[in-house]
Every structure is written in structure tokens, then in C-alpha cells.
Amino acid sequence: MRSIAVINQKGGVGKTTSSVNLSAALADAGKRVCLIDLDPQAHASLHLGITAMDGEMTTYEMLCGDASVEQTRRQINDNLFILPANLDLAAAELELAGEVGREMILRDKLQEDDQEYDYLILDCPPSLGVLTINALVAVTEVFLPLQPHFLALHGLSKLLKTIELVSRRMNAHLKLTGVMLCMYDSNTRLAAEVSTDIDEFFQASNGRREFYRDAKFFDTRIRRNIRLAEAPSFGQSIFQYAGQSNGAHDYRALADEIIEQEIAMMQPRTIRAAA
């Protein structure tokens, strides 16, 4: 199983849109996927038509109460599941502040779950607090969505340092394995320049920083598309709402890249095993 946290401390970069539609694309490709909503805004849940009412289990009850993953999980279709959130999750930062081992709660809960998935995808809040640290401790990979303009690069070094710190101190298996550009406008020179800058940054760092040594700058660009902005208001993924749109095409292509990346990641292990 690949466990992936989709993270950026900046809001409005396409993090939730990517978490939801990438999960849906992988599920459509025959992969068994579980999406975990760790954002108190609960936009990933709403995007898939899930509104957690009073008395229903959410990621808040799972992290701060006695609810299990099984009690929290909802099924969207044959291959897609979600652990939904609601606004109650905003209280988790305060309630967990005094808990011993608070950074490990999500990891421990997931280890108790007996369901098997091909992909576990975590939609993280736009912050670097307890919820995000829980996600980084629970997964082995990080995907970083970026918007191709100058301000999107601001704070990138701080985010990478946070991931590296968690990798060194709490989760030695954690790696940054994917960088994706969202809201891309191919008609602007700035988008092309920022794309080049990001690519050069990771190429220059290749081999120097272990935790993102193998990071892939995905070839697929998620283009600006009004259908992507409209789909959440209907409680549908882009494939349900506008399956022939540019947004649907781009997320299918991104899912294909990620599946190809998985095959490439397995090859060295296969070669060593054969040797």
C-alpha cells in the first residue's frame, strides 16, 4: 500500500481538489483507495457529497475519542472510501495539545484497521500543526501541490524543513515523492518560468537531501478549469460532474503517472530480490 499525505501550508493551491480527484481517478483505474479528510473545513468530504451530522463518527471522534477507523469510514463506490471530517476537528489541535504521543494517534489508529487498500491519501489542513504532523507520521510519502506563481514558492523551504524534521525524528520512512502543478495556465510566461524554477530546484537537490532525493516533478499539469471549481458544489468528483472536461483529463493523466511511478519504485526491489 502507498500512503500519501497531500500537504501545503498555503491555502488555495489545489490541495483538496487534487486529493479528491486523484483518489477518484485511482479508484476508476481499479485501485482500492481510502481518502482521509484531516482538514476542519471538511471540503474533501463535501466534495464527495458527505456531510457528517451530529452523532456520526468523523476523524475528530477517531483522533480525540474512541471511534475506530471502521466506525468512521464511509463507502463512496466499489473502490473509493472516505474518513470524513466536520468543523469539530478544529478543536483537535487544542484537545490533543496535552496528550502524550499525540503525533502518533493517527498512525496507531490506522495500524488497527484490517482493511487493505492500494492507496491511502490524506488531505491535510493548510497549516503545520498537530493534524498535519499526525499525517506525516502516519504515511510514507508526501505529495506537494503548487500553484505556478511566485508567492506559491514562498514558504516552500520551511515546508520542506518540516517534512525533513519529521522524517529524521519521527518517521524514517517519510519521503517527498511527488510535486504537482495545479491551476496551470499555459498561456502565461510566468507559469512556464516558475515551472522551470521548481524543476531546477529539485534537480539541483537530487542526491543531496535524502528525504526528497527521488521526488518526481510530475509531467502532468492540472490546468485551470471552471468545471473543477464547480464540481464540489454538486458533491461530485470531476469524473461524475464533467467526465470529458480538461480537469478530468488532467487528473486521469496524473493518476496514470502515479501508477507508473509505483511500478518504477518497485523495480529496484525486484532486482535486488532476484539477485
C-alpha atoms as a PDB file:
ATOM      1  CA  MET A   1       0.000   0.000   0.000  1.00  0.00           C
ATOM      2  CA  ARG A   2       1.135   3.524  -0.764  1.00  0.00           C
ATOM      3  CA  SER A   3       0.237   6.032   1.949  1.00  0.00           C
ATOM      4  CA  ILE A   4       0.402   9.656   0.779  1.00  0.00           C
ATOM      5  CA  ALA A   5      -0.130  12.974   2.576  1.00  0.00           C
ATOM      6  CA  VAL A   6      -1.120  15.835   0.256  1.00  0.00           C
ATOM      7  CA  ILE A   7       0.293  18.863   2.004  1.00  0.00           C
ATOM      8  CA  ASN A   8       0.959  22.565   1.597  1.00  0.00           C
ATOM      9  CA  GLN A   9       0.711  25.129   4.389  1.00  0.00           C
ATOM     10  CA  LYS A  10      -0.613  27.667   1.854  1.00  0.00           C
ATOM     11  CA  GLY A  11      -4.306  27.605   1.119  1.00  0.00           C
ATOM     12  CA  GLY A  12      -5.810  27.829  -2.353  1.00  0.00           C
ATOM     13  CA  VAL A  13      -3.160  25.792  -4.191  1.00  0.00           C
ATOM     14  CA  GLY A  14      -5.428  22.913  -5.235  1.00  0.00           C
ATOM     15  CA  LYS A  15      -4.654  20.597  -2.337  1.00  0.00           C
ATOM     16  CA  THR A  16      -8.181  19.340  -1.624  1.00  0.00           C
ATOM     17  CA  THR A  17      -9.176  19.330  -5.290  1.00  0.00           C
ATOM     18  CA  SER A  18      -6.148  17.154  -6.007  1.00  0.00           C
ATOM     19  CA  SER A  19      -6.724  14.864  -3.015  1.00  0.00           C
ATOM     20  CA  VAL A  20     -10.328  14.165  -4.022  1.00  0.00           C
ATOM     21  CA  ASN A  21      -9.954  13.882  -7.776  1.00  0.00           C
ATOM     22  CA  LEU A  22      -6.717  11.945  -7.625  1.00  0.00           C
ATOM     23  CA  SER A  23      -8.406   9.483  -5.246  1.00  0.00           C
ATOM     24  CA  ALA A  24     -11.369   9.198  -7.617  1.00  0.00           C
ATOM     25  CA  ALA A  25      -9.095   8.747 -10.661  1.00  0.00           C
ATOM     26  CA  LEU A  26      -7.110   5.976  -8.981  1.00  0.00           C
ATOM     27  CA  ALA A  27     -10.355   4.291  -7.914  1.00  0.00           C
ATOM     28  CA  ASP A  28     -11.656   4.484 -11.500  1.00  0.00           C
ATOM     29  CA  ALA A  29      -8.394   2.842 -12.598  1.00  0.00           C
ATOM     30  CA  GLY A  30      -9.271  -0.170 -10.444  1.00  0.00           C
ATOM     31  CA  LYS A  31      -7.241   0.764  -7.362  1.00  0.00           C
ATOM     32  CA  ARG A  32      -8.736   0.450  -3.886  1.00  0.00           C
ATOM     33  CA  VAL A  33      -8.435   3.908  -2.311  1.00  0.00           C
ATOM     34  CA  CYS A  34      -9.198   5.405   1.100  1.00  0.00           C
ATOM     35  CA  LEU A  35      -9.246   9.203   1.429  1.00  0.00           C
ATOM     36  CA  ILE A  36      -8.842  10.711   4.905  1.00  0.00           C
ATOM     37  CA  ASP A  37     -10.136  14.238   5.487  1.00  0.00           C
ATOM     38  CA  LEU A  38      -7.922  15.909   8.110  1.00  0.00           C
ATOM     39  CA  ASP A  39      -8.992  19.485   7.340  1.00  0.00           C
ATOM     40  CA  PRO A  40     -11.559  21.033   9.757  1.00  0.00           C
ATOM     41  CA  GLN A  41     -13.118  22.813   6.769  1.00  0.00           C
ATOM     42  CA  ALA A  42     -14.176  19.314   5.612  1.00  0.00           C
ATOM     43  CA  HIS A  43     -14.001  20.327   1.959  1.00  0.00           C
ATOM     44  CA  ALA A  44     -12.848  16.883   0.818  1.00  0.00           C
ATOM     45  CA  SER A  45     -15.901  15.339   2.500  1.00  0.00           C
ATOM     46  CA  LEU A  46     -18.256  17.912   0.992  1.00  0.00           C
ATOM     47  CA  HIS A  47     -16.630  17.429  -2.416  1.00  0.00           C
ATOM     48  CA  LEU A  48     -17.769  13.798  -2.340  1.00  0.00           C
ATOM     49  CA  GLY A  49     -21.235  14.641  -1.045  1.00  0.00           C
ATOM     50  CA  ILE A  50     -20.593  13.652   2.587  1.00  0.00           C
ATOM     51  CA  THR A  51     -21.961  15.891   5.342  1.00  0.00           C
ATOM     52  CA  ALA A  52     -21.270  14.467   8.791  1.00  0.00           C
ATOM     53  CA  MET A  53     -24.275  15.133  11.030  1.00  0.00           C
ATOM     54  CA  ASP A  54     -24.416  15.118  14.840  1.00  0.00           C
ATOM     55  CA  GLY A  55     -23.866  11.642  16.213  1.00  0.00           C
ATOM     56  CA  GLU A  56     -21.992  10.396  13.140  1.00  0.00           C
ATOM     57  CA  MET A  57     -18.360   9.417  13.527  1.00  0.00           C
ATOM     58  CA  THR A  58     -15.723  11.607  11.898  1.00  0.00           C
ATOM     59  CA  THR A  59     -11.967  11.994  12.023  1.00  0.00           C
ATOM     60  CA  TYR A  60     -12.493  14.138  15.138  1.00  0.00           C
ATOM     61  CA  GLU A  61     -14.012  11.224  17.076  1.00  0.00           C
ATOM     62  CA  MET A  62     -11.299   8.960  15.723  1.00  0.00           C
ATOM     63  CA  LEU A  63      -8.433  11.204  16.889  1.00  0.00           C
ATOM     64  CA  CYS A  64      -9.929  12.634  20.082  1.00  0.00           C
ATOM     65  CA  GLY A  65     -12.330   9.872  21.104  1.00  0.00           C
ATOM     66  CA  ASP A  66     -12.718   6.134  20.939  1.00  0.00           C
ATOM     67  CA  ALA A  67     -14.003   5.774  17.356  1.00  0.00           C
ATOM     68  CA  SER A  68     -12.158   3.288  15.170  1.00  0.00           C
ATOM     69  CA  VAL A  69     -11.287   3.648  11.505  1.00  0.00           C
ATOM     70  CA  GLU A  70     -14.006   1.113  10.703  1.00  0.00           C
ATOM     71  CA  GLN A  71     -16.650   3.154  12.545  1.00  0.00           C
ATOM     72  CA  THR A  72     -15.554   6.340  10.780  1.00  0.00           C
ATOM     73  CA  ARG A  73     -15.208   5.031   7.226  1.00  0.00           C
ATOM     74  CA  ARG A  74     -17.865   5.669   4.545  1.00  0.00           C
ATOM     75  CA  GLN A  75     -18.013   3.959   1.161  1.00  0.00           C
ATOM     76  CA  ILE A  76     -18.397   6.160  -1.933  1.00  0.00           C
ATOM     77  CA  ASN A  77     -18.273   3.420  -4.565  1.00  0.00           C
ATOM     78  CA  ASP A  78     -16.777  -0.044  -5.077  1.00  0.00           C
ATOM     79  CA  ASN A  79     -13.163   1.186  -4.854  1.00  0.00           C
ATOM     80  CA  LEU A  80     -13.372   4.525  -3.036  1.00  0.00           C
ATOM     81  CA  PHE A  81     -13.778   5.107   0.718  1.00  0.00           C
ATOM     82  CA  ILE A  82     -13.518   8.222   2.881  1.00  0.00           C
ATOM     83  CA  LEU A  83     -12.970   9.032   6.528  1.00  0.00           C
ATOM     84  CA  PRO A  84     -14.946  12.298   6.674  1.00  0.00           C
ATOM     85  CA  ALA A  85     -14.408  15.399   8.783  1.00  0.00           C
ATOM     86  CA  ASN A  86     -16.523  18.252  10.064  1.00  0.00           C
ATOM     87  CA  LEU A  87     -15.906  21.517  11.889  1.00  0.00           C
ATOM     88  CA  ASP A  88     -15.450  19.690  15.214  1.00  0.00           C
ATOM     89  CA  LEU A  89     -11.971  18.745  14.004  1.00  0.00           C
ATOM     90  CA  ALA A  90     -10.908  22.362  14.606  1.00  0.00           C
ATOM     91  CA  ALA A  91     -10.931  21.573  18.340  1.00  0.00           C
ATOM     92  CA  ALA A  92      -8.480  18.703  17.913  1.00  0.00           C
ATOM     93  CA  GLU A  93      -5.412  20.953  17.941  1.00  0.00           C
ATOM     94  CA  LEU A  94      -6.301  22.170  21.453  1.00  0.00           C
ATOM     95  CA  GLU A  95      -7.608  18.875  22.813  1.00  0.00           C
ATOM     96  CA  LEU A  96      -4.549  16.930  21.719  1.00  0.00           C
ATOM     97  CA  ALA A  97      -2.044  19.538  22.911  1.00  0.00           C
ATOM     98  CA  GLY A  98      -1.586  17.837  26.281  1.00  0.00           C
ATOM     99  CA  GLU A  99      -1.753  14.244  25.059  1.00  0.00           C
ATOM    100  CA  VAL A 100       1.359  12.104  25.368  1.00  0.00           C
ATOM    101  CA  GLY A 101       2.325  10.750  21.952  1.00  0.00           C
ATOM    102  CA  ARG A 102      -0.243  12.956  20.229  1.00  0.00           C
ATOM    103  CA  GLU A 103       1.730  12.853  16.968  1.00  0.00           C
ATOM    104  CA  MET A 104       1.285   9.060  16.746  1.00  0.00           C
ATOM    105  CA  ILE A 105      -2.505   8.793  17.266  1.00  0.00           C
ATOM    106  CA  LEU A 106      -3.479   8.564  13.599  1.00  0.00           C
ATOM    107  CA  ARG A 107      -0.691   6.096  12.815  1.00  0.00           C
ATOM    108  CA  ASP A 108      -1.793   3.828  15.654  1.00  0.00           C
ATOM    109  CA  LYS A 109      -5.460   4.001  14.611  1.00  0.00           C
ATOM    110  CA  LEU A 110      -4.614   3.083  11.019  1.00  0.00           C
ATOM    111  CA  GLN A 111      -2.493   0.157  12.150  1.00  0.00           C
ATOM    112  CA  GLU A 112      -5.568  -1.265  13.919  1.00  0.00           C
ATOM    113  CA  ASP A 113      -7.600  -1.228  10.699  1.00  0.00           C
ATOM    114  CA  ASP A 114      -7.827  -4.604   8.956  1.00  0.00           C
ATOM    115  CA  GLN A 115      -8.914  -3.264   5.556  1.00  0.00           C
ATOM    116  CA  GLU A 116      -6.436  -3.399   2.678  1.00  0.00           C
ATOM    117  CA  TYR A 117      -6.003  -0.557   0.192  1.00  0.00           C
ATOM    118  CA  ASP A 118      -3.763   0.172  -2.735  1.00  0.00           C
ATOM    119  CA  TYR A 119      -3.654   3.870  -1.832  1.00  0.00           C
ATOM    120  CA  LEU A 120      -4.253   5.800   1.381  1.00  0.00           C
ATOM    121  CA  ILE A 121      -4.489   9.534   0.640  1.00  0.00           C
ATOM    122  CA  LEU A 122      -4.606  12.164   3.391  1.00  0.00           C
ATOM    123  CA  ASP A 123      -5.950  15.653   2.706  1.00  0.00           C
ATOM    124  CA  CYS A 124      -4.119  17.845   5.228  1.00  0.00           C
ATOM    125  CA  PRO A 125      -5.106  21.275   6.580  1.00  0.00           C
ATOM    126  CA  PRO A 126      -3.294  24.416   5.357  1.00  0.00           C
ATOM    127  CA  SER A 127      -1.094  24.569   8.456  1.00  0.00           C
ATOM    128  CA  LEU A 128       1.791  22.736  10.104  1.00  0.00           C
ATOM    129  CA  GLY A 129       0.024  21.886  13.359  1.00  0.00           C
ATOM    130  CA  VAL A 130      -0.809  18.651  15.197  1.00  0.00           C
ATOM    131  CA  LEU A 131      -3.137  17.342  12.477  1.00  0.00           C
ATOM    132  CA  THR A 132      -0.529  17.729   9.753  1.00  0.00           C
ATOM    133  CA  ILE A 133       2.211  16.197  11.927  1.00  0.00           C
ATOM    134  CA  ASN A 134      -0.099  13.226  12.592  1.00  0.00           C
ATOM    135  CA  ALA A 135      -0.458  12.792   8.847  1.00  0.00           C
ATOM    136  CA  LEU A 136       3.302  12.954   8.257  1.00  0.00           C
ATOM    137  CA  VAL A 137       3.954  10.360  10.949  1.00  0.00           C
ATOM    138  CA  ALA A 138       1.263   8.024   9.559  1.00  0.00           C
ATOM    139  CA  VAL A 139       2.368   7.940   5.899  1.00  0.00           C
ATOM    140  CA  THR A 140       5.475   7.100   3.913  1.00  0.00           C
ATOM    141  CA  GLU A 141       5.075   9.645   1.089  1.00  0.00           C
ATOM    142  CA  VAL A 142       4.272  13.316   0.619  1.00  0.00           C
ATOM    143  CA  PHE A 143       2.785  14.919  -2.490  1.00  0.00           C
ATOM    144  CA  LEU A 144       3.235  18.662  -2.744  1.00  0.00           C
ATOM    145  CA  PRO A 145       0.719  20.650  -4.828  1.00  0.00           C
ATOM    146  CA  LEU A 146       1.963  24.036  -6.023  1.00  0.00           C
ATOM    147  CA  GLN A 147       0.403  26.911  -7.907  1.00  0.00           C
ATOM    148  CA  PRO A 148       2.752  28.280 -10.592  1.00  0.00           C
ATOM    149  CA  HIS A 149       3.304  31.796  -9.364  1.00  0.00           C
ATOM    150  CA  PHE A 150       5.965  33.476  -7.247  1.00  0.00           C
ATOM    151  CA  LEU A 151       4.036  33.529  -3.945  1.00  0.00           C
ATOM    152  CA  ALA A 152       3.423  29.784  -4.185  1.00  0.00           C
ATOM    153  CA  LEU A 153       7.181  29.299  -3.780  1.00  0.00           C
ATOM    154  CA  HIS A 154       7.248  31.480  -0.682  1.00  0.00           C
ATOM    155  CA  GLY A 155       7.492  29.245   2.364  1.00  0.00           C
ATOM    156  CA  LEU A 156       8.485  26.174   0.359  1.00  0.00           C
ATOM    157  CA  SER A 157      11.808  25.862   2.182  1.00  0.00           C
ATOM    158  CA  LYS A 158      10.045  25.978   5.568  1.00  0.00           C
ATOM    159  CA  LEU A 159       7.648  23.255   4.490  1.00  0.00           C
ATOM    160  CA  LEU A 160      10.494  21.055   3.255  1.00  0.00           C
ATOM    161  CA  LYS A 161      12.368  21.574   6.538  1.00  0.00           C
ATOM    162  CA  THR A 162       9.264  20.481   8.469  1.00  0.00           C
ATOM    163  CA  ILE A 163       8.940  17.321   6.385  1.00  0.00           C
ATOM    164  CA  GLU A 164      12.655  16.624   6.806  1.00  0.00           C
ATOM    165  CA  LEU A 165      12.435  17.154  10.561  1.00  0.00           C
ATOM    166  CA  VAL A 166       9.574  14.663  10.876  1.00  0.00           C
ATOM    167  CA  SER A 167      11.498  12.258   8.650  1.00  0.00           C
ATOM    168  CA  ARG A 168      14.581  12.445  10.868  1.00  0.00           C
ATOM    169  CA  ARG A 169      12.880  12.385  14.263  1.00  0.00           C
ATOM    170  CA  MET A 170       9.548  10.557  13.988  1.00  0.00           C
ATOM    171  CA  ASN A 171       9.186   8.710  10.682  1.00  0.00           C
ATOM    172  CA  ALA A 172      12.327   7.478   8.985  1.00  0.00           C
ATOM    173  CA  HIS A 173      10.280   6.106   6.071  1.00  0.00           C
ATOM    174  CA  LEU A 174       8.852   9.507   5.101  1.00  0.00           C
ATOM    175  CA  LYS A 175       9.854  10.837   1.667  1.00  0.00           C
ATOM    176  CA  LEU A 176       8.707  13.619  -0.616  1.00  0.00           C
ATOM    177  CA  THR A 177       7.909  11.642  -3.764  1.00  0.00           C
ATOM    178  CA  GLY A 178       5.719  13.917  -5.888  1.00  0.00           C
ATOM    179  CA  VAL A 179       5.341  17.590  -6.848  1.00  0.00           C
ATOM    180  CA  MET A 180       2.343  18.627  -8.931  1.00  0.00           C
ATOM    181  CA  LEU A 181       1.426  21.929 -10.511  1.00  0.00           C
ATOM    182  CA  CYS A 182      -2.209  22.978 -10.160  1.00  0.00           C
ATOM    183  CA  MET A 183      -4.223  25.817 -11.717  1.00  0.00           C
ATOM    184  CA  TYR A 184      -1.730  25.911 -14.560  1.00  0.00           C
ATOM    185  CA  ASP A 185      -2.186  28.441 -17.372  1.00  0.00           C
ATOM    186  CA  SER A 186      -0.012  27.514 -20.322  1.00  0.00           C
ATOM    187  CA  ASN A 187      -0.639  30.916 -21.934  1.00  0.00           C
ATOM    188  CA  THR A 188       1.380  32.833 -19.358  1.00  0.00           C
ATOM    189  CA  ARG A 189       5.147  33.155 -19.357  1.00  0.00           C
ATOM    190  CA  LEU A 190       5.174  33.270 -15.533  1.00  0.00           C
ATOM    191  CA  ALA A 191       3.731  29.754 -15.288  1.00  0.00           C
ATOM    192  CA  ALA A 192       6.472  28.397 -17.548  1.00  0.00           C
ATOM    193  CA  GLU A 193       9.194  30.275 -15.642  1.00  0.00           C
ATOM    194  CA  VAL A 194       8.003  29.089 -12.227  1.00  0.00           C
ATOM    195  CA  SER A 195       7.710  25.529 -13.550  1.00  0.00           C
ATOM    196  CA  THR A 196      11.315  25.712 -14.733  1.00  0.00           C
ATOM    197  CA  ASP A 197      12.458  27.155 -11.383  1.00  0.00           C
ATOM    198  CA  ILE A 198      10.780  24.342  -9.437  1.00  0.00           C
ATOM    199  CA  ASP A 199      12.195  21.688 -11.740  1.00  0.00           C
ATOM    200  CA  GLU A 200      15.708  23.134 -11.462  1.00  0.00           C
ATOM    201  CA  PHE A 201      15.408  23.334  -7.662  1.00  0.00           C
ATOM    202  CA  PHE A 202      14.659  19.647  -7.296  1.00  0.00           C
ATOM    203  CA  GLN A 203      17.193  18.608  -9.923  1.00  0.00           C
ATOM    204  CA  ALA A 204      19.901  20.633  -8.164  1.00  0.00           C
ATOM    205  CA  SER A 205      18.981  19.000  -4.853  1.00  0.00           C
ATOM    206  CA  ASN A 206      18.947  15.490  -6.279  1.00  0.00           C
ATOM    207  CA  GLY A 207      21.167  13.248  -4.183  1.00  0.00           C
ATOM    208  CA  ARG A 208      21.883  15.922  -1.585  1.00  0.00           C
ATOM    209  CA  ARG A 209      18.774  15.615   0.603  1.00  0.00           C
ATOM    210  CA  GLU A 210      17.739  12.057   1.285  1.00  0.00           C
ATOM    211  CA  PHE A 211      14.090  12.720   2.057  1.00  0.00           C
ATOM    212  CA  TYR A 212      13.359  14.174  -1.391  1.00  0.00           C
ATOM    213  CA  ARG A 213      16.144  12.593  -3.400  1.00  0.00           C
ATOM    214  CA  ASP A 214      13.648  10.642  -5.531  1.00  0.00           C
ATOM    215  CA  ALA A 215      10.929  13.309  -5.751  1.00  0.00           C
ATOM    216  CA  LYS A 216       9.181  13.293  -9.122  1.00  0.00           C
ATOM    217  CA  PHE A 217       8.083  16.576 -10.680  1.00  0.00           C
ATOM    218  CA  PHE A 218       5.008  15.239 -12.462  1.00  0.00           C
ATOM    219  CA  ASP A 219       4.771  15.950 -16.172  1.00  0.00           C
ATOM    220  CA  THR A 220       1.002  16.396 -15.944  1.00  0.00           C
ATOM    221  CA  ARG A 221      -0.093  19.977 -15.331  1.00  0.00           C
ATOM    222  CA  ILE A 222      -3.536  20.470 -13.782  1.00  0.00           C
ATOM    223  CA  ARG A 223      -4.914  23.246 -15.956  1.00  0.00           C
ATOM    224  CA  ARG A 224      -7.266  25.971 -14.778  1.00  0.00           C
ATOM    225  CA  ASN A 225     -10.721  24.607 -15.388  1.00  0.00           C
ATOM    226  CA  ILE A 226     -14.049  26.031 -14.256  1.00  0.00           C
ATOM    227  CA  ARG A 227     -15.529  22.529 -14.028  1.00  0.00           C
ATOM    228  CA  LEU A 228     -13.067  21.691 -11.251  1.00  0.00           C
ATOM    229  CA  ALA A 229     -14.336  24.681  -9.280  1.00  0.00           C
ATOM    230  CA  GLU A 230     -17.994  23.768  -9.883  1.00  0.00           C
ATOM    231  CA  ALA A 231     -17.858  20.054  -9.031  1.00  0.00           C
ATOM    232  CA  PRO A 232     -17.666  20.394  -5.187  1.00  0.00           C
ATOM    233  CA  SER A 233     -20.948  22.325  -5.036  1.00  0.00           C
ATOM    234  CA  PHE A 234     -22.651  19.266  -6.529  1.00  0.00           C
ATOM    235  CA  GLY A 235     -20.933  16.847  -4.134  1.00  0.00           C
ATOM    236  CA  GLN A 236     -19.238  15.060  -7.008  1.00  0.00           C
ATOM    237  CA  SER A 237     -15.748  14.329  -8.237  1.00  0.00           C
ATOM    238  CA  ILE A 238     -14.793  15.847 -11.578  1.00  0.00           C
ATOM    239  CA  PHE A 239     -15.404  12.467 -13.238  1.00  0.00           C
ATOM    240  CA  GLN A 240     -19.022  12.365 -12.102  1.00  0.00           C
ATOM    241  CA  TYR A 241     -19.648  16.032 -12.802  1.00  0.00           C
ATOM    242  CA  ALA A 242     -17.816  16.628 -16.096  1.00  0.00           C
ATOM    243  CA  GLY A 243     -16.037  13.483 -17.168  1.00  0.00           C
ATOM    244  CA  GLN A 244     -14.923  14.894 -20.532  1.00  0.00           C
ATOM    245  CA  SER A 245     -13.558  18.202 -19.213  1.00  0.00           C
ATOM    246  CA  ASN A 246      -9.915  19.245 -19.179  1.00  0.00           C
ATOM    247  CA  GLY A 247      -9.911  18.799 -15.406  1.00  0.00           C
ATOM    248  CA  ALA A 248     -10.997  15.161 -15.703  1.00  0.00           C
ATOM    249  CA  HIS A 249      -8.439  14.541 -18.443  1.00  0.00           C
ATOM    250  CA  ASP A 250      -5.622  16.039 -16.344  1.00  0.00           C
ATOM    251  CA  TYR A 251      -6.384  14.048 -13.194  1.00  0.00           C
ATOM    252  CA  ARG A 252      -6.661  10.824 -15.190  1.00  0.00           C
ATOM    253  CA  ALA A 253      -3.241  11.571 -16.681  1.00  0.00           C
ATOM    254  CA  LEU A 254      -1.819  12.338 -13.236  1.00  0.00           C
ATOM    255  CA  ALA A 255      -3.211   9.055 -11.873  1.00  0.00           C
ATOM    256  CA  ASP A 256      -1.555   7.213 -14.763  1.00  0.00           C
ATOM    257  CA  GLU A 257       1.772   8.867 -13.906  1.00  0.00           C
ATOM    258  CA  ILE A 258       1.439   7.865 -10.261  1.00  0.00           C
ATOM    259  CA  ILE A 259       0.685   4.260 -11.180  1.00  0.00           C
ATOM    260  CA  GLU A 260       3.731   4.267 -13.488  1.00  0.00           C
ATOM    261  CA  GLN A 261       5.773   5.765 -10.640  1.00  0.00           C
ATOM    262  CA  GLU A 262       4.651   2.892  -8.423  1.00  0.00           C
ATOM    263  CA  ILE A 263       5.919   0.368 -10.979  1.00  0.00           C
ATOM    264  CA  ALA A 264       9.257   2.207 -11.220  1.00  0.00           C
ATOM    265  CA  MET A 265       9.584   2.278  -7.418  1.00  0.00           C
ATOM    266  CA  MET A 266       9.060  -1.485  -7.257  1.00  0.00           C
ATOM    267  CA  GLN A 267      11.642  -2.377  -9.908  1.00  0.00           C
ATOM    268  CA  PRO A 268      14.818  -1.839  -7.802  1.00  0.00           C
ATOM    269  CA  ARG A 269      13.354  -4.019  -5.023  1.00  0.00           C
ATOM    270  CA  THR A 270      12.514  -6.726  -7.555  1.00  0.00           C
ATOM    271  CA  ILE A 271      16.045  -6.634  -8.984  1.00  0.00           C
ATOM    272  CA  ARG A 272      17.642  -6.875  -5.541  1.00  0.00           C
ATOM    273  CA  ALA A 273      15.336  -9.731  -4.580  1.00  0.00           C
ATOM    274  CA  ALA A 274      16.272 -11.601  -7.753  1.00  0.00           C
ATOM    275  CA  ALA A 275      19.972 -11.065  -7.082  1.00  0.00           C
END
